[in-house]
Amino acid sequence: MQAIHSIQTVTGPTLTIAVPAAFEGKHVKVVVEPVDAPTSTAKEE
């Protein structure tokens, strides 16, 4: 199963995410929940 996990900063009432082309035409589950604090990514370190 292919899955996308990412932490985003919400700056307005709409959040847009890019998905793989393989997801086109498929049903997907989207879960949005707040996180306690931002975490650093490998790029930021």
PDB file of N, CA and C in Angstrom:
ATOM      1  N   MET A   1       0.848  -1.185   0.000  1.00  0.00           N
ATOM      2  CA  MET A   1       0.000   0.000   0.000  1.00  0.00           C
ATOM      3  C   MET A   1       0.886   1.238   0.000  1.00  0.00           C
ATOM      4  N   GLN A   2       0.578   2.164  -0.848  1.00  0.00           N
ATOM      5  CA  GLN A   2       1.315   3.416  -0.917  1.00  0.00           C
ATOM      6  C   GLN A   2       0.624   4.427  -0.024  1.00  0.00           C
ATOM      7  N   ALA A   3       1.396   5.174   0.772  1.00  0.00           N
ATOM      8  CA  ALA A   3       0.820   6.168   1.664  1.00  0.00           C
ATOM      9  C   ALA A   3       1.688   7.413   1.672  1.00  0.00           C
ATOM     10  N   ILE A   4       1.075   8.541   1.934  1.00  0.00           N
ATOM     11  CA  ILE A   4       1.779   9.812   2.049  1.00  0.00           C
ATOM     12  C   ILE A   4       1.583  10.311   3.475  1.00  0.00           C
ATOM     13  N   HIS A   5       2.675  10.625   4.133  1.00  0.00           N
ATOM     14  CA  HIS A   5       2.615  11.223   5.464  1.00  0.00           C
ATOM     15  C   HIS A   5       3.432  12.510   5.405  1.00  0.00           C
ATOM     16  N   SER A   6       2.836  13.614   5.775  1.00  0.00           N
ATOM     17  CA  SER A   6       3.594  14.862   5.787  1.00  0.00           C
ATOM     18  C   SER A   6       3.009  15.793   6.841  1.00  0.00           C
ATOM     19  N   ILE A   7       3.848  16.691   7.315  1.00  0.00           N
ATOM     20  CA  ILE A   7       3.408  17.719   8.255  1.00  0.00           C
ATOM     21  C   ILE A   7       3.432  19.040   7.496  1.00  0.00           C
ATOM     22  N   GLN A   8       2.312  19.736   7.506  1.00  0.00           N
ATOM     23  CA  GLN A   8       2.162  20.996   6.790  1.00  0.00           C
ATOM     24  C   GLN A   8       1.783  22.097   7.770  1.00  0.00           C
ATOM     25  N   THR A   9       2.087  23.325   7.408  1.00  0.00           N
ATOM     26  CA  THR A   9       1.636  24.478   8.170  1.00  0.00           C
ATOM     27  C   THR A   9       0.405  25.038   7.472  1.00  0.00           C
ATOM     28  N   VAL A  10      -0.687  25.109   8.181  1.00  0.00           N
ATOM     29  CA  VAL A  10      -1.935  25.614   7.607  1.00  0.00           C
ATOM     30  C   VAL A  10      -1.924  27.137   7.722  1.00  0.00           C
ATOM     31  N   THR A  11      -2.048  27.819   6.591  1.00  0.00           N
ATOM     32  CA  THR A  11      -2.010  29.281   6.584  1.00  0.00           C
ATOM     33  C   THR A  11      -3.343  29.897   6.188  1.00  0.00           C
ATOM     34  N   GLY A  12      -4.342  29.063   5.986  1.00  0.00           N
ATOM     35  CA  GLY A  12      -5.657  29.565   5.601  1.00  0.00           C
ATOM     36  C   GLY A  12      -6.670  28.447   5.717  1.00  0.00           C
ATOM     37  N   PRO A  13      -7.874  28.674   5.220  1.00  0.00           N
ATOM     38  CA  PRO A  13      -8.934  27.681   5.378  1.00  0.00           C
ATOM     39  C   PRO A  13      -8.837  26.486   4.425  1.00  0.00           C
ATOM     40  N   THR A  14      -7.879  26.510   3.482  1.00  0.00           N
ATOM     41  CA  THR A  14      -7.764  25.439   2.503  1.00  0.00           C
ATOM     42  C   THR A  14      -6.358  24.867   2.520  1.00  0.00           C
ATOM     43  N   LEU A  15      -6.261  23.529   2.471  1.00  0.00           N
ATOM     44  CA  LEU A  15      -4.973  22.841   2.389  1.00  0.00           C
ATOM     45  C   LEU A  15      -4.976  22.008   1.114  1.00  0.00           C
ATOM     46  N   THR A  16      -3.980  22.171   0.265  1.00  0.00           N
ATOM     47  CA  THR A  16      -3.869  21.432  -0.980  1.00  0.00           C
ATOM     48  C   THR A  16      -2.649  20.530  -0.907  1.00  0.00           C
ATOM     49  N   ILE A  17      -2.830  19.261  -1.257  1.00  0.00           N
ATOM     50  CA  ILE A  17      -1.709  18.332  -1.257  1.00  0.00           C
ATOM     51  C   ILE A  17      -1.573  17.685  -2.629  1.00  0.00           C
ATOM     52  N   ALA A  18      -0.341  17.412  -3.021  1.00  0.00           N
ATOM     53  CA  ALA A  18      -0.088  16.700  -4.269  1.00  0.00           C
ATOM     54  C   ALA A  18      -0.102  15.208  -3.975  1.00  0.00           C
ATOM     55  N   VAL A  19      -0.653  14.434  -4.858  1.00  0.00           N
ATOM     56  CA  VAL A  19      -0.704  12.981  -4.685  1.00  0.00           C
ATOM     57  C   VAL A  19      -0.098  12.309  -5.909  1.00  0.00           C
ATOM     58  N   PRO A  20       0.383  11.082  -5.757  1.00  0.00           N
ATOM     59  CA  PRO A  20       0.943  10.365  -6.898  1.00  0.00           C
ATOM     60  C   PRO A  20      -0.104  10.134  -7.995  1.00  0.00           C
ATOM     61  N   ALA A  21       0.350  10.045  -9.226  1.00  0.00           N
ATOM     62  CA  ALA A  21      -0.555   9.805 -10.352  1.00  0.00           C
ATOM     63  C   ALA A  21      -1.331   8.506 -10.178  1.00  0.00           C
ATOM     64  N   ALA A  22      -0.749   7.540  -9.477  1.00  0.00           N
ATOM     65  CA  ALA A  22      -1.416   6.249  -9.257  1.00  0.00           C
ATOM     66  C   ALA A  22      -2.694   6.393  -8.430  1.00  0.00           C
ATOM     67  N   PHE A  23      -2.853   7.495  -7.723  1.00  0.00           N
ATOM     68  CA  PHE A  23      -4.053   7.712  -6.902  1.00  0.00           C
ATOM     69  C   PHE A  23      -5.228   8.235  -7.721  1.00  0.00           C
ATOM     70  N   GLU A  24      -4.976   8.686  -8.934  1.00  0.00           N
ATOM     71  CA  GLU A  24      -6.033   9.291  -9.738  1.00  0.00           C
ATOM     72  C   GLU A  24      -7.164   8.300  -9.969  1.00  0.00           C
ATOM     73  N   GLY A  25      -8.392   8.753  -9.717  1.00  0.00           N
ATOM     74  CA  GLY A  25      -9.565   7.929  -9.918  1.00  0.00           C
ATOM     75  C   GLY A  25      -9.847   6.951  -8.792  1.00  0.00           C
ATOM     76  N   LYS A  26      -9.044   6.988  -7.728  1.00  0.00           N
ATOM     77  CA  LYS A  26      -9.234   6.061  -6.612  1.00  0.00           C
ATOM     78  C   LYS A  26      -9.816   6.768  -5.399  1.00  0.00           C
ATOM     79  N   HIS A  27     -10.467   6.011  -4.555  1.00  0.00           N
ATOM     80  CA  HIS A  27     -10.924   6.538  -3.279  1.00  0.00           C
ATOM     81  C   HIS A  27      -9.732   6.568  -2.333  1.00  0.00           C
ATOM     82  N   VAL A  28      -9.582   7.660  -1.594  1.00  0.00           N
ATOM     83  CA  VAL A  28      -8.497   7.779  -0.628  1.00  0.00           C
ATOM     84  C   VAL A  28      -9.065   8.250   0.707  1.00  0.00           C
ATOM     85  N   LYS A  29      -8.348   7.942   1.755  1.00  0.00           N
ATOM     86  CA  LYS A  29      -8.747   8.421   3.081  1.00  0.00           C
ATOM     87  C   LYS A  29      -7.827   9.566   3.453  1.00  0.00           C
ATOM     88  N   VAL A  30      -8.401  10.690   3.870  1.00  0.00           N
ATOM     89  CA  VAL A  30      -7.635  11.858   4.276  1.00  0.00           C
ATOM     90  C   VAL A  30      -7.916  12.102   5.749  1.00  0.00           C
ATOM     91  N   VAL A  31      -6.854  12.140   6.543  1.00  0.00           N
ATOM     92  CA  VAL A  31      -6.979  12.396   7.974  1.00  0.00           C
ATOM     93  C   VAL A  31      -6.157  13.637   8.283  1.00  0.00           C
ATOM     94  N   VAL A  32      -6.775  14.629   8.890  1.00  0.00           N
ATOM     95  CA  VAL A  32      -6.082  15.855   9.273  1.00  0.00           C
ATOM     96  C   VAL A  32      -6.220  15.995  10.774  1.00  0.00           C
ATOM     97  N   GLU A  33      -5.072  16.075  11.462  1.00  0.00           N
ATOM     98  CA  GLU A  33      -5.094  16.257  12.905  1.00  0.00           C
ATOM     99  C   GLU A  33      -3.947  17.167  13.306  1.00  0.00           C
ATOM    100  N   PRO A  34      -4.136  17.967  14.338  1.00  0.00           N
ATOM    101  CA  PRO A  34      -3.063  18.869  14.753  1.00  0.00           C
ATOM    102  C   PRO A  34      -1.920  18.093  15.406  1.00  0.00           C
ATOM    103  N   VAL A  35      -0.721  18.656  15.301  1.00  0.00           N
ATOM    104  CA  VAL A  35       0.437  18.095  15.994  1.00  0.00           C
ATOM    105  C   VAL A  35       0.853  19.085  17.077  1.00  0.00           C
ATOM    106  N   ASP A  36       1.454  18.573  18.145  1.00  0.00           N
ATOM    107  CA  ASP A  36       1.819  19.427  19.275  1.00  0.00           C
ATOM    108  C   ASP A  36       2.853  20.483  18.912  1.00  0.00           C
ATOM    109  N   ALA A  37       3.901  20.089  18.199  1.00  0.00           N
ATOM    110  CA  ALA A  37       4.966  21.031  17.837  1.00  0.00           C
ATOM    111  C   ALA A  37       5.532  20.613  16.491  1.00  0.00           C
ATOM    112  N   PRO A  38       6.001  21.589  15.733  1.00  0.00           N
ATOM    113  CA  PRO A  38       6.629  21.236  14.461  1.00  0.00           C
ATOM    114  C   PRO A  38       7.853  20.350  14.702  1.00  0.00           C
ATOM    115  N   THR A  39       8.081  19.406  13.800  1.00  0.00           N
ATOM    116  CA  THR A  39       9.270  18.563  13.892  1.00  0.00           C
ATOM    117  C   THR A  39      10.179  18.918  12.726  1.00  0.00           C
ATOM    118  N   SER A  40      11.459  18.792  12.934  1.00  0.00           N
ATOM    119  CA  SER A  40      12.397  19.083  11.858  1.00  0.00           C
ATOM    120  C   SER A  40      12.470  17.897  10.913  1.00  0.00           C
ATOM    121  N   THR A  41      12.741  18.191   9.662  1.00  0.00           N
ATOM    122  CA  THR A  41      12.903  17.143   8.665  1.00  0.00           C
ATOM    123  C   THR A  41      14.382  16.987   8.363  1.00  0.00           C
ATOM    124  N   ALA A  42      14.741  15.974   7.650  1.00  0.00           N
ATOM    125  CA  ALA A  42      16.141  15.743   7.287  1.00  0.00           C
ATOM    126  C   ALA A  42      16.705  16.925   6.496  1.00  0.00           C
ATOM    127  N   LYS A  43      15.882  17.556   5.652  1.00  0.00           N
ATOM    128  CA  LYS A  43      16.346  18.720   4.895  1.00  0.00           C
ATOM    129  C   LYS A  43      16.690  19.888   5.809  1.00  0.00           C
ATOM    130  N   GLU A  44      15.932  20.067   6.896  1.00  0.00           N
ATOM    131  CA  GLU A  44      16.134  21.200   7.787  1.00  0.00           C
ATOM    132  C   GLU A  44      17.338  21.027   8.700  1.00  0.00           C
ATOM    133  N   GLU A  45      17.755  19.767   8.917  1.00  0.00           N
ATOM    134  CA  GLU A  45      18.847  19.513   9.858  1.00  0.00           C
ATOM    135  C   GLU A  45      20.205  19.736   9.245  1.00  0.00           C
TER     136      GLU A  45
END
